[in-house]
PDB file of N, CA and C in Angstrom:
ATOM      1  N   MET A   1      -9.263 -59.700 178.881  1.00  0.00           N
ATOM      2  CA  MET A   1      -8.683 -58.737 177.988  1.00  0.00           C
ATOM      3  C   MET A   1      -8.104 -59.476 176.789  1.00  0.00           C
ATOM      4  N   LYS A   2      -8.408 -58.993 175.646  1.00  0.00           N
ATOM      5  CA  LYS A   2      -7.955 -59.611 174.407  1.00  0.00           C
ATOM      6  C   LYS A   2      -6.792 -58.813 173.833  1.00  0.00           C
ATOM      7  N   ILE A   3      -5.705 -59.527 173.533  1.00  0.00           N
ATOM      8  CA  ILE A   3      -4.520 -58.884 172.972  1.00  0.00           C
ATOM      9  C   ILE A   3      -4.682 -58.856 171.459  1.00  0.00           C
ATOM     10  N   PRO A   4      -4.441 -57.699 170.847  1.00  0.00           N
ATOM     11  CA  PRO A   4      -4.541 -57.630 169.389  1.00  0.00           C
ATOM     12  C   PRO A   4      -3.519 -58.556 168.724  1.00  0.00           C
ATOM     13  N   VAL A   5      -3.876 -59.072 167.601  1.00  0.00           N
ATOM     14  CA  VAL A   5      -3.033 -60.021 166.867  1.00  0.00           C
ATOM     15  C   VAL A   5      -1.705 -59.383 166.462  1.00  0.00           C
ATOM     16  N   GLU A   6      -1.701 -58.109 166.188  1.00  0.00           N
ATOM     17  CA  GLU A   6      -0.480 -57.443 165.721  1.00  0.00           C
ATOM     18  C   GLU A   6       0.599 -57.344 166.810  1.00  0.00           C
ATOM     19  N   THR A   7       0.202 -57.359 168.084  1.00  0.00           N
ATOM     20  CA  THR A   7       1.192 -57.195 169.156  1.00  0.00           C
ATOM     21  C   THR A   7       1.840 -58.508 169.591  1.00  0.00           C
ATOM     22  N   LYS A   8       1.221 -59.623 169.259  1.00  0.00           N
ATOM     23  CA  LYS A   8       1.771 -60.913 169.673  1.00  0.00           C
ATOM     24  C   LYS A   8       3.179 -61.139 169.103  1.00  0.00           C
ATOM     25  N   PRO A   9       3.436 -60.907 167.820  1.00  0.00           N
ATOM     26  CA  PRO A   9       4.802 -61.067 167.303  1.00  0.00           C
ATOM     27  C   PRO A   9       5.801 -60.101 167.959  1.00  0.00           C
ATOM     28  N   ALA A  10       5.337 -58.922 168.330  1.00  0.00           N
ATOM     29  CA  ALA A  10       6.229 -57.960 168.981  1.00  0.00           C
ATOM     30  C   ALA A  10       6.663 -58.475 170.352  1.00  0.00           C
ATOM     31  N   PHE A  11       5.738 -59.052 171.113  1.00  0.00           N
ATOM     32  CA  PHE A  11       6.088 -59.619 172.415  1.00  0.00           C
ATOM     33  C   PHE A  11       7.070 -60.776 172.264  1.00  0.00           C
ATOM     34  N   TRP A  12       6.820 -61.662 171.300  1.00  0.00           N
ATOM     35  CA  TRP A  12       7.728 -62.786 171.072  1.00  0.00           C
ATOM     36  C   TRP A  12       9.108 -62.293 170.621  1.00  0.00           C
ATOM     37  N   GLY A  13       9.124 -61.267 169.800  1.00  0.00           N
ATOM     38  CA  GLY A  13      10.399 -60.687 169.358  1.00  0.00           C
ATOM     39  C   GLY A  13      11.174 -60.078 170.512  1.00  0.00           C
ATOM     40  N   ALA A  14      10.449 -59.387 171.395  1.00  0.00           N
ATOM     41  CA  ALA A  14      11.106 -58.786 172.561  1.00  0.00           C
ATOM     42  C   ALA A  14      11.658 -59.865 173.491  1.00  0.00           C
ATOM     43  N   ALA A  15      10.892 -60.923 173.712  1.00  0.00           N
ATOM     44  CA  ALA A  15      11.347 -62.014 174.576  1.00  0.00           C
ATOM     45  C   ALA A  15      12.566 -62.709 173.966  1.00  0.00           C
ATOM     46  N   GLY A  16      12.502 -62.993 172.676  1.00  0.00           N
ATOM     47  CA  GLY A  16      13.638 -63.625 171.999  1.00  0.00           C
ATOM     48  C   GLY A  16      14.865 -62.724 171.999  1.00  0.00           C
ATOM     49  N   GLY A  17      14.651 -61.437 171.793  1.00  0.00           N
ATOM     50  CA  GLY A  17      15.764 -60.486 171.819  1.00  0.00           C
ATOM     51  C   GLY A  17      16.413 -60.402 173.192  1.00  0.00           C
ATOM     52  N   ALA A  18      15.595 -60.447 174.246  1.00  0.00           N
ATOM     53  CA  ALA A  18      16.137 -60.404 175.606  1.00  0.00           C
ATOM     54  C   ALA A  18      16.984 -61.638 175.892  1.00  0.00           C
ATOM     55  N   VAL A  19      16.505 -62.806 175.471  1.00  0.00           N
ATOM     56  CA  VAL A  19      17.266 -64.041 175.674  1.00  0.00           C
ATOM     57  C   VAL A  19      18.565 -63.994 174.875  1.00  0.00           C
ATOM     58  N   ALA A  20      18.476 -63.569 173.618  1.00  0.00           N
ATOM     59  CA  ALA A  20      19.671 -63.487 172.776  1.00  0.00           C
ATOM     60  C   ALA A  20      20.674 -62.484 173.344  1.00  0.00           C
ATOM     61  N   MET A  21      20.170 -61.354 173.829  1.00  0.00           N
ATOM     62  CA  MET A  21      21.050 -60.340 174.399  1.00  0.00           C
ATOM     63  C   MET A  21      21.762 -60.880 175.649  1.00  0.00           C
ATOM     64  N   ALA A  22      21.050 -61.628 176.482  1.00  0.00           N
ATOM     65  CA  ALA A  22      21.662 -62.199 177.681  1.00  0.00           C
ATOM     66  C   ALA A  22      22.732 -63.220 177.311  1.00  0.00           C
ATOM     67  N   ILE A  23      22.447 -64.063 176.327  1.00  0.00           N
ATOM     68  CA  ILE A  23      23.420 -65.077 175.900  1.00  0.00           C
ATOM     69  C   ILE A  23      24.671 -64.412 175.337  1.00  0.00           C
ATOM     70  N   VAL A  24      24.483 -63.447 174.464  1.00  0.00           N
ATOM     71  CA  VAL A  24      25.621 -62.758 173.860  1.00  0.00           C
ATOM     72  C   VAL A  24      26.373 -61.947 174.917  1.00  0.00           C
ATOM     73  N   GLY A  25      25.660 -61.259 175.779  1.00  0.00           N
ATOM     74  CA  GLY A  25      26.305 -60.418 176.790  1.00  0.00           C
ATOM     75  C   GLY A  25      27.125 -61.208 177.786  1.00  0.00           C
ATOM     76  N   PHE A  26      26.552 -62.279 178.334  1.00  0.00           N
ATOM     77  CA  PHE A  26      27.282 -63.075 179.321  1.00  0.00           C
ATOM     78  C   PHE A  26      28.300 -64.001 178.662  1.00  0.00           C
ATOM     79  N   GLY A  27      28.005 -64.459 177.442  1.00  0.00           N
ATOM     80  CA  GLY A  27      28.914 -65.384 176.767  1.00  0.00           C
ATOM     81  C   GLY A  27      30.119 -64.708 176.157  1.00  0.00           C
ATOM     82  N   TRP A  28      29.884 -63.638 175.406  1.00  0.00           N
ATOM     83  CA  TRP A  28      30.982 -63.011 174.686  1.00  0.00           C
ATOM     84  C   TRP A  28      31.186 -61.546 175.040  1.00  0.00           C
ATOM     85  N   GLY A  29      30.213 -60.933 175.661  1.00  0.00           N
ATOM     86  CA  GLY A  29      30.285 -59.501 175.932  1.00  0.00           C
ATOM     87  C   GLY A  29      31.058 -59.116 177.176  1.00  0.00           C
ATOM     88  N   GLY A  30      31.425 -60.085 177.986  1.00  0.00           N
ATOM     89  CA  GLY A  30      32.186 -59.773 179.182  1.00  0.00           C
ATOM     90  C   GLY A  30      31.349 -59.414 180.391  1.00  0.00           C
ATOM     91  N   TRP A  31      30.045 -59.602 180.321  1.00  0.00           N
ATOM     92  CA  TRP A  31      29.197 -59.331 181.482  1.00  0.00           C
ATOM     93  C   TRP A  31      29.463 -60.387 182.541  1.00  0.00           C
ATOM     94  N   VAL A  32      29.430 -60.000 183.790  1.00  0.00           N
ATOM     95  CA  VAL A  32      29.599 -60.939 184.896  1.00  0.00           C
ATOM     96  C   VAL A  32      28.572 -60.632 185.976  1.00  0.00           C
ATOM     97  N   THR A  33      28.337 -61.614 186.823  1.00  0.00           N
ATOM     98  CA  THR A  33      27.415 -61.414 187.937  1.00  0.00           C
ATOM     99  C   THR A  33      28.113 -60.600 189.029  1.00  0.00           C
ATOM    100  N   GLY A  34      27.348 -60.098 189.955  1.00  0.00           N
ATOM    101  CA  GLY A  34      27.914 -59.307 191.044  1.00  0.00           C
ATOM    102  C   GLY A  34      28.892 -60.092 191.893  1.00  0.00           C
ATOM    103  N   GLY A  35      28.581 -61.355 192.150  1.00  0.00           N
ATOM    104  CA  GLY A  35      29.471 -62.191 192.958  1.00  0.00           C
ATOM    105  C   GLY A  35      30.814 -62.414 192.288  1.00  0.00           C
ATOM    106  N   LYS A  36      30.789 -62.670 190.988  1.00  0.00           N
ATOM    107  CA  LYS A  36      32.044 -62.886 190.268  1.00  0.00           C
ATOM    108  C   LYS A  36      32.854 -61.593 190.204  1.00  0.00           C
ATOM    109  N   ALA A  37      32.177 -60.473 190.045  1.00  0.00           N
ATOM    110  CA  ALA A  37      32.874 -59.187 190.016  1.00  0.00           C
ATOM    111  C   ALA A  37      33.559 -58.908 191.349  1.00  0.00           C
ATOM    112  N   GLU A  38      32.882 -59.215 192.446  1.00  0.00           N
ATOM    113  CA  GLU A  38      33.487 -59.016 193.766  1.00  0.00           C
ATOM    114  C   GLU A  38      34.684 -59.938 193.976  1.00  0.00           C
ATOM    115  N   THR A  39      34.572 -61.187 193.532  1.00  0.00           N
ATOM    116  CA  THR A  39      35.678 -62.137 193.662  1.00  0.00           C
ATOM    117  C   THR A  39      36.892 -61.663 192.871  1.00  0.00           C
ATOM    118  N   GLU A  40      36.666 -61.235 191.639  1.00  0.00           N
ATOM    119  CA  GLU A  40      37.771 -60.756 190.813  1.00  0.00           C
ATOM    120  C   GLU A  40      38.393 -59.491 191.391  1.00  0.00           C
ATOM    121  N   ALA A  41      37.568 -58.607 191.928  1.00  0.00           N
ATOM    122  CA  ALA A  41      38.093 -57.381 192.536  1.00  0.00           C
ATOM    123  C   ALA A  41      38.951 -57.702 193.753  1.00  0.00           C
ATOM    124  N   ALA A  42      38.521 -58.661 194.555  1.00  0.00           N
ATOM    125  CA  ALA A  42      39.305 -59.055 195.731  1.00  0.00           C
ATOM    126  C   ALA A  42      40.638 -59.667 195.317  1.00  0.00           C
ATOM    127  N   GLN A  43      40.624 -60.497 194.276  1.00  0.00           N
ATOM    128  CA  GLN A  43      41.867 -61.111 193.802  1.00  0.00           C
ATOM    129  C   GLN A  43      42.834 -60.051 193.279  1.00  0.00           C
ATOM    130  N   ARG A  44      42.299 -59.093 192.532  1.00  0.00           N
ATOM    131  CA  ARG A  44      43.161 -58.035 191.987  1.00  0.00           C
ATOM    132  C   ARG A  44      43.714 -57.135 193.087  1.00  0.00           C
ATOM    133  N   SER A  45      42.898 -56.847 194.089  1.00  0.00           N
ATOM    134  CA  SER A  45      43.394 -55.991 195.169  1.00  0.00           C
ATOM    135  C   SER A  45      44.449 -56.724 195.992  1.00  0.00           C
ATOM    136  N   ASN A  46      44.274 -58.024 196.218  1.00  0.00           N
ATOM    137  CA  ASN A  46      45.294 -58.798 196.932  1.00  0.00           C
ATOM    138  C   ASN A  46      46.597 -58.838 196.147  1.00  0.00           C
ATOM    139  N   ALA A  47      46.492 -58.995 194.836  1.00  0.00           N
ATOM    140  CA  ALA A  47      47.694 -58.999 193.997  1.00  0.00           C
ATOM    141  C   ALA A  47      48.391 -57.640 194.050  1.00  0.00           C
ATOM    142  N   ALA A  48      47.615 -56.571 194.067  1.00  0.00           N
ATOM    143  CA  ALA A  48      48.200 -55.230 194.147  1.00  0.00           C
ATOM    144  C   ALA A  48      48.898 -55.013 195.485  1.00  0.00           C
ATOM    145  N   VAL A  49      48.330 -55.542 196.546  1.00  0.00           N
ATOM    146  CA  VAL A  49      48.958 -55.426 197.869  1.00  0.00           C
ATOM    147  C   VAL A  49      50.288 -56.176 197.879  1.00  0.00           C
ATOM    148  N   VAL A  50      50.317 -57.354 197.286  1.00  0.00           N
ATOM    149  CA  VAL A  50      51.558 -58.135 197.234  1.00  0.00           C
ATOM    150  C   VAL A  50      52.621 -57.380 196.441  1.00  0.00           C
ATOM    151  N   VAL A  51      52.231 -56.814 195.306  1.00  0.00           N
ATOM    152  CA  VAL A  51      53.182 -56.061 194.479  1.00  0.00           C
ATOM    153  C   VAL A  51      53.712 -54.847 195.244  1.00  0.00           C
ATOM    154  N   ALA A  52      52.863 -54.217 196.038  1.00  0.00           N
ATOM    155  CA  ALA A  52      53.285 -53.031 196.784  1.00  0.00           C
ATOM    156  C   ALA A  52      54.152 -53.378 197.991  1.00  0.00           C
ATOM    157  N   LEU A  53      53.867 -54.497 198.648  1.00  0.00           N
ATOM    158  CA  LEU A  53      54.565 -54.822 199.896  1.00  0.00           C
ATOM    159  C   LEU A  53      55.820 -55.669 199.711  1.00  0.00           C
ATOM    160  N   ALA A  54      55.970 -56.346 198.589  1.00  0.00           N
ATOM    161  CA  ALA A  54      57.158 -57.184 198.380  1.00  0.00           C
ATOM    162  C   ALA A  54      58.455 -56.366 198.429  1.00  0.00           C
ATOM    163  N   PRO A  55      58.526 -55.190 197.793  1.00  0.00           N
ATOM    164  CA  PRO A  55      59.761 -54.401 197.912  1.00  0.00           C
ATOM    165  C   PRO A  55      60.040 -53.935 199.347  1.00  0.00           C
ATOM    166  N   VAL A  56      58.991 -53.685 200.123  1.00  0.00           N
ATOM    167  CA  VAL A  56      59.171 -53.317 201.528  1.00  0.00           C
ATOM    168  C   VAL A  56      59.791 -54.487 202.284  1.00  0.00           C
ATOM    169  N   CYS A  57      59.324 -55.686 201.988  1.00  0.00           N
ATOM    170  CA  CYS A  57      59.874 -56.891 202.612  1.00  0.00           C
ATOM    171  C   CYS A  57      61.350 -57.051 202.252  1.00  0.00           C
ATOM    172  N   VAL A  58      61.682 -56.833 200.988  1.00  0.00           N
ATOM    173  CA  VAL A  58      63.081 -56.949 200.548  1.00  0.00           C
ATOM    174  C   VAL A  58      63.949 -55.946 201.301  1.00  0.00           C
ATOM    175  N   GLU A  59      63.457 -54.727 201.436  1.00  0.00           N
ATOM    176  CA  GLU A  59      64.233 -53.706 202.143  1.00  0.00           C
ATOM    177  C   GLU A  59      64.422 -54.073 203.614  1.00  0.00           C
ATOM    178  N   ARG A  60      63.377 -54.581 204.244  1.00  0.00           N
ATOM    179  CA  ARG A  60      63.489 -54.993 205.649  1.00  0.00           C
ATOM    180  C   ARG A  60      64.484 -56.149 205.790  1.00  0.00           C
ATOM    181  N   PHE A  61      64.454 -57.077 204.830  1.00  0.00           N
ATOM    182  CA  PHE A  61      65.391 -58.208 204.841  1.00  0.00           C
ATOM    183  C   PHE A  61      66.821 -57.697 204.726  1.00  0.00           C
ATOM    184  N   GLN A  62      67.049 -56.776 203.794  1.00  0.00           N
ATOM    185  CA  GLN A  62      68.401 -56.288 203.542  1.00  0.00           C
ATOM    186  C   GLN A  62      68.922 -55.388 204.655  1.00  0.00           C
ATOM    187  N   ARG A  63      68.027 -54.754 205.405  1.00  0.00           N
ATOM    188  CA  ARG A  63      68.450 -53.877 206.508  1.00  0.00           C
ATOM    189  C   ARG A  63      68.698 -54.639 207.809  1.00  0.00           C
ATOM    190  N   ALA A  64      68.368 -55.901 207.837  1.00  0.00           N
ATOM    191  CA  ALA A  64      68.602 -56.692 209.048  1.00  0.00           C
ATOM    192  C   ALA A  64      70.104 -56.785 209.304  1.00  0.00           C
ATOM    193  N   ALA A  65      70.464 -56.911 210.562  1.00  0.00           N
ATOM    194  CA  ALA A  65      71.883 -56.941 210.942  1.00  0.00           C
ATOM    195  C   ALA A  65      72.624 -58.110 210.301  1.00  0.00           C
ATOM    196  N   ASP A  66      71.969 -59.248 210.188  1.00  0.00           N
ATOM    197  CA  ASP A  66      72.607 -60.441 209.626  1.00  0.00           C
ATOM    198  C   ASP A  66      72.062 -60.759 208.234  1.00  0.00           C
ATOM    199  N   ALA A  67      71.896 -59.738 207.419  1.00  0.00           N
ATOM    200  CA  ALA A  67      71.286 -59.902 206.097  1.00  0.00           C
ATOM    201  C   ALA A  67      72.103 -60.826 205.197  1.00  0.00           C
ATOM    202  N   PHE A  68      73.417 -60.700 205.238  1.00  0.00           N
ATOM    203  CA  PHE A  68      74.262 -61.517 204.371  1.00  0.00           C
ATOM    204  C   PHE A  68      74.114 -62.995 204.712  1.00  0.00           C
ATOM    205  N   ASP A  69      74.132 -63.310 205.998  1.00  0.00           N
ATOM    206  CA  ASP A  69      73.974 -64.703 206.430  1.00  0.00           C
ATOM    207  C   ASP A  69      72.573 -65.225 206.106  1.00  0.00           C
ATOM    208  N   ASN A  70      71.571 -64.365 206.292  1.00  0.00           N
ATOM    209  CA  ASN A  70      70.196 -64.770 205.985  1.00  0.00           C
ATOM    210  C   ASN A  70      70.013 -65.034 204.496  1.00  0.00           C
ATOM    211  N   LEU A  71      70.651 -64.216 203.660  1.00  0.00           N
ATOM    212  CA  LEU A  71      70.538 -64.426 202.217  1.00  0.00           C
ATOM    213  C   LEU A  71      71.202 -65.738 201.815  1.00  0.00           C
ATOM    214  N   ALA A  72      72.334 -66.035 202.414  1.00  0.00           N
ATOM    215  CA  ALA A  72      72.995 -67.314 202.129  1.00  0.00           C
ATOM    216  C   ALA A  72      72.118 -68.478 202.576  1.00  0.00           C
ATOM    217  N   ALA A  73      71.493 -68.345 203.735  1.00  0.00           N
ATOM    218  CA  ALA A  73      70.601 -69.403 204.227  1.00  0.00           C
ATOM    219  C   ALA A  73      69.365 -69.529 203.341  1.00  0.00           C
ATOM    220  N   LEU A  74      68.858 -68.398 202.868  1.00  0.00           N
ATOM    221  CA  LEU A  74      67.685 -68.416 201.984  1.00  0.00           C
ATOM    222  C   LEU A  74      67.995 -69.152 200.687  1.00  0.00           C
ATOM    223  N   LYS A  75      69.169 -68.923 200.147  1.00  0.00           N
ATOM    224  CA  LYS A  75      69.544 -69.573 198.889  1.00  0.00           C
ATOM    225  C   LYS A  75      69.769 -71.074 199.056  1.00  0.00           C
ATOM    226  N   LYS A  76      70.082 -71.510 200.281  1.00  0.00           N
ATOM    227  CA  LYS A  76      70.272 -72.940 200.529  1.00  0.00           C
ATOM    228  C   LYS A  76      68.945 -73.680 200.672  1.00  0.00           C
ATOM    229  N   VAL A  77      67.898 -72.958 201.041  1.00  0.00           N
ATOM    230  CA  VAL A  77      66.581 -73.567 201.251  1.00  0.00           C
ATOM    231  C   VAL A  77      65.966 -73.898 199.893  1.00  0.00           C
ATOM    232  N   ASP A  78      65.180 -74.979 199.841  1.00  0.00           N
ATOM    233  CA  ASP A  78      64.489 -75.339 198.606  1.00  0.00           C
ATOM    234  C   ASP A  78      63.599 -74.192 198.142  1.00  0.00           C
ATOM    235  N   THR A  79      63.448 -74.074 196.838  1.00  0.00           N
ATOM    236  CA  THR A  79      62.689 -72.969 196.254  1.00  0.00           C
ATOM    237  C   THR A  79      61.277 -72.881 196.807  1.00  0.00           C
ATOM    238  N   TRP A  80      60.601 -74.018 196.959  1.00  0.00           N
ATOM    239  CA  TRP A  80      59.203 -74.001 197.388  1.00  0.00           C
ATOM    240  C   TRP A  80      59.034 -73.625 198.853  1.00  0.00           C
ATOM    241  N   SER A  81      60.107 -73.651 199.625  1.00  0.00           N
ATOM    242  CA  SER A  81      59.983 -73.273 201.038  1.00  0.00           C
ATOM    243  C   SER A  81      60.713 -71.970 201.370  1.00  0.00           C
ATOM    244  N   GLN A  82      61.187 -71.256 200.362  1.00  0.00           N
ATOM    245  CA  GLN A  82      61.846 -69.977 200.613  1.00  0.00           C
ATOM    246  C   GLN A  82      60.867 -68.947 201.167  1.00  0.00           C
ATOM    247  N   GLY A  83      59.624 -68.993 200.700  1.00  0.00           N
ATOM    248  CA  GLY A  83      58.609 -68.082 201.226  1.00  0.00           C
ATOM    249  C   GLY A  83      58.371 -68.307 202.706  1.00  0.00           C
ATOM    250  N   ASP A  84      58.375 -69.573 203.120  1.00  0.00           N
ATOM    251  CA  ASP A  84      58.216 -69.895 204.542  1.00  0.00           C
ATOM    252  C   ASP A  84      59.390 -69.353 205.361  1.00  0.00           C
ATOM    253  N   PHE A  85      60.586 -69.429 204.784  1.00  0.00           N
ATOM    254  CA  PHE A  85      61.778 -68.908 205.463  1.00  0.00           C
ATOM    255  C   PHE A  85      61.640 -67.406 205.710  1.00  0.00           C
ATOM    256  N   VAL A  86      61.214 -66.682 204.686  1.00  0.00           N
ATOM    257  CA  VAL A  86      61.042 -65.228 204.805  1.00  0.00           C
ATOM    258  C   VAL A  86      59.921 -64.909 205.789  1.00  0.00           C
ATOM    259  N   GLU A  87      58.849 -65.680 205.718  1.00  0.00           N
ATOM    260  CA  GLU A  87      57.711 -65.453 206.611  1.00  0.00           C
ATOM    261  C   GLU A  87      58.098 -65.690 208.074  1.00  0.00           C
ATOM    262  N   LYS A  88      58.840 -66.756 208.331  1.00  0.00           N
ATOM    263  CA  LYS A  88      59.270 -67.059 209.707  1.00  0.00           C
ATOM    264  C   LYS A  88      60.260 -66.022 210.225  1.00  0.00           C
ATOM    265  N   GLY A  89      61.015 -65.419 209.321  1.00  0.00           N
ATOM    266  CA  GLY A  89      61.950 -64.369 209.727  1.00  0.00           C
ATOM    267  C   GLY A  89      61.253 -63.077 210.112  1.00  0.00           C
ATOM    268  N   GLY A  90      59.983 -62.933 209.732  1.00  0.00           N
ATOM    269  CA  GLY A  90      59.218 -61.756 210.099  1.00  0.00           C
ATOM    270  C   GLY A  90      59.357 -60.580 209.155  1.00  0.00           C
ATOM    271  N   TRP A  91      60.088 -60.735 208.067  1.00  0.00           N
ATOM    272  CA  TRP A  91      60.300 -59.616 207.152  1.00  0.00           C
ATOM    273  C   TRP A  91      59.065 -59.321 206.309  1.00  0.00           C
ATOM    274  N   ALA A  92      58.207 -60.305 206.116  1.00  0.00           N
ATOM    275  CA  ALA A  92      57.020 -60.117 205.276  1.00  0.00           C
ATOM    276  C   ALA A  92      55.861 -59.494 206.037  1.00  0.00           C
ATOM    277  N   MET A  93      55.926 -59.495 207.359  1.00  0.00           N
ATOM    278  CA  MET A  93      54.828 -58.950 208.160  1.00  0.00           C
ATOM    279  C   MET A  93      54.936 -57.430 208.180  1.00  0.00           C
ATOM    280  N   VAL A  94      53.985 -56.797 207.541  1.00  0.00           N
ATOM    281  CA  VAL A  94      53.934 -55.344 207.476  1.00  0.00           C
ATOM    282  C   VAL A  94      52.654 -54.908 208.170  1.00  0.00           C
ATOM    283  N   PRO A  95      52.695 -53.864 208.971  1.00  0.00           N
ATOM    284  CA  PRO A  95      51.460 -53.417 209.620  1.00  0.00           C
ATOM    285  C   PRO A  95      50.357 -53.165 208.595  1.00  0.00           C
ATOM    286  N   GLY A  96      49.209 -53.742 208.849  1.00  0.00           N
ATOM    287  CA  GLY A  96      48.076 -53.594 207.940  1.00  0.00           C
ATOM    288  C   GLY A  96      47.843 -54.805 207.062  1.00  0.00           C
ATOM    289  N   SER A  97      48.806 -55.704 206.962  1.00  0.00           N
ATOM    290  CA  SER A  97      48.619 -56.912 206.154  1.00  0.00           C
ATOM    291  C   SER A  97      48.168 -58.029 207.079  1.00  0.00           C
ATOM    292  N   LYS A  98      46.875 -58.134 207.279  1.00  0.00           N
ATOM    293  CA  LYS A  98      46.339 -59.054 208.273  1.00  0.00           C
ATOM    294  C   LYS A  98      46.105 -60.475 207.779  1.00  0.00           C
ATOM    295  N   PRO A  99      45.470 -60.666 206.631  1.00  0.00           N
ATOM    296  CA  PRO A  99      45.158 -62.056 206.264  1.00  0.00           C
ATOM    297  C   PRO A  99      46.428 -62.882 206.086  1.00  0.00           C
ATOM    298  N   TYR A 100      46.390 -64.111 206.580  1.00  0.00           N
ATOM    299  CA  TYR A 100      47.552 -64.999 206.485  1.00  0.00           C
ATOM    300  C   TYR A 100      47.945 -65.225 205.027  1.00  0.00           C
ATOM    301  N   GLU A 101      46.943 -65.374 204.159  1.00  0.00           N
ATOM    302  CA  GLU A 101      47.237 -65.637 202.750  1.00  0.00           C
ATOM    303  C   GLU A 101      48.023 -64.481 202.147  1.00  0.00           C
ATOM    304  N   GLN A 102      47.695 -63.265 202.566  1.00  0.00           N
ATOM    305  CA  GLN A 102      48.379 -62.093 202.044  1.00  0.00           C
ATOM    306  C   GLN A 102      49.832 -62.063 202.512  1.00  0.00           C
ATOM    307  N   VAL A 103      50.069 -62.339 203.782  1.00  0.00           N
ATOM    308  CA  VAL A 103      51.434 -62.357 204.317  1.00  0.00           C
ATOM    309  C   VAL A 103      52.237 -63.453 203.634  1.00  0.00           C
ATOM    310  N   SER A 104      51.623 -64.602 203.429  1.00  0.00           N
ATOM    311  CA  SER A 104      52.298 -65.708 202.760  1.00  0.00           C
ATOM    312  C   SER A 104      52.650 -65.339 201.322  1.00  0.00           C
ATOM    313  N   ALA A 105      51.738 -64.673 200.629  1.00  0.00           N
ATOM    314  CA  ALA A 105      51.997 -64.269 199.246  1.00  0.00           C
ATOM    315  C   ALA A 105      53.104 -63.219 199.189  1.00  0.00           C
ATOM    316  N   VAL A 106      53.111 -62.293 200.130  1.00  0.00           N
ATOM    317  CA  VAL A 106      54.175 -61.284 200.185  1.00  0.00           C
ATOM    318  C   VAL A 106      55.515 -61.965 200.448  1.00  0.00           C
ATOM    319  N   ALA A 107      55.536 -62.935 201.336  1.00  0.00           N
ATOM    320  CA  ALA A 107      56.778 -63.650 201.645  1.00  0.00           C
ATOM    321  C   ALA A 107      57.303 -64.395 200.423  1.00  0.00           C
ATOM    322  N   LYS A 108      56.419 -65.027 199.673  1.00  0.00           N
ATOM    323  CA  LYS A 108      56.853 -65.746 198.469  1.00  0.00           C
ATOM    324  C   LYS A 108      57.404 -64.785 197.424  1.00  0.00           C
ATOM    325  N   ALA A 109      56.724 -63.644 197.241  1.00  0.00           N
ATOM    326  CA  ALA A 109      57.199 -62.653 196.276  1.00  0.00           C
ATOM    327  C   ALA A 109      58.530 -62.057 196.728  1.00  0.00           C
ATOM    328  N   CYS A 110      58.660 -61.826 198.010  1.00  0.00           N
ATOM    329  CA  CYS A 110      59.900 -61.291 198.574  1.00  0.00           C
ATOM    330  C   CYS A 110      61.053 -62.273 198.348  1.00  0.00           C
ATOM    331  N   ALA A 111      60.804 -63.534 198.616  1.00  0.00           N
ATOM    332  CA  ALA A 111      61.836 -64.553 198.413  1.00  0.00           C
ATOM    333  C   ALA A 111      62.239 -64.635 196.947  1.00  0.00           C
ATOM    334  N   LEU A 112      61.278 -64.485 196.066  1.00  0.00           N
ATOM    335  CA  LEU A 112      61.577 -64.521 194.636  1.00  0.00           C
ATOM    336  C   LEU A 112      62.430 -63.322 194.222  1.00  0.00           C
ATOM    337  N   LEU A 113      62.168 -62.167 194.823  1.00  0.00           N
ATOM    338  CA  LEU A 113      62.983 -60.987 194.514  1.00  0.00           C
ATOM    339  C   LEU A 113      64.393 -61.105 195.094  1.00  0.00           C
ATOM    340  N   LEU A 114      64.507 -61.714 196.256  1.00  0.00           N
ATOM    341  CA  LEU A 114      65.816 -61.848 196.905  1.00  0.00           C
ATOM    342  C   LEU A 114      66.679 -62.931 196.272  1.00  0.00           C
ATOM    343  N   ALA A 115      66.068 -64.047 195.930  1.00  0.00           N
ATOM    344  CA  ALA A 115      66.814 -65.178 195.372  1.00  0.00           C
ATOM    345  C   ALA A 115      66.075 -65.698 194.151  1.00  0.00           C
ATOM    346  N   PRO A 116      66.210 -65.006 193.020  1.00  0.00           N
ATOM    347  CA  PRO A 116      65.495 -65.453 191.817  1.00  0.00           C
ATOM    348  C   PRO A 116      65.936 -66.846 191.389  1.00  0.00           C
ATOM    349  N   SER A 117      64.975 -67.625 190.937  1.00  0.00           N
ATOM    350  CA  SER A 117      65.273 -68.990 190.470  1.00  0.00           C
ATOM    351  C   SER A 117      66.026 -68.922 189.160  1.00  0.00           C
ATOM    352  N   ALA A 118      66.821 -69.918 188.934  1.00  0.00           N
ATOM    353  CA  ALA A 118      67.594 -69.965 187.690  1.00  0.00           C
ATOM    354  C   ALA A 118      66.748 -70.442 186.548  1.00  0.00           C
TER     355      ALA A 118
END
């Protein structure tokens, strides 16, 4: 089969346009692959869970019988290990928050709300 001479430039133009569109779309247009979209969605949903559960953790901490003593102990602990203190106390564990990373993130956010750094 012989391709007419007039259509050859059209095919090259279409191929070049497709390449240019892909470069512009992925480079500057904000297009992402399915895997990256899923990763970003998971990160955003985990962040939303932490934002939603941190106030619950604070309330559970404050309702504990020895809340005043626990808050004093929390403030004495180094900043980087305050999340571990809250996590070990069990205040960050909320039904439905299964992944360890999520519980740890909630505990860190809770500690930050309870004893903000200077």
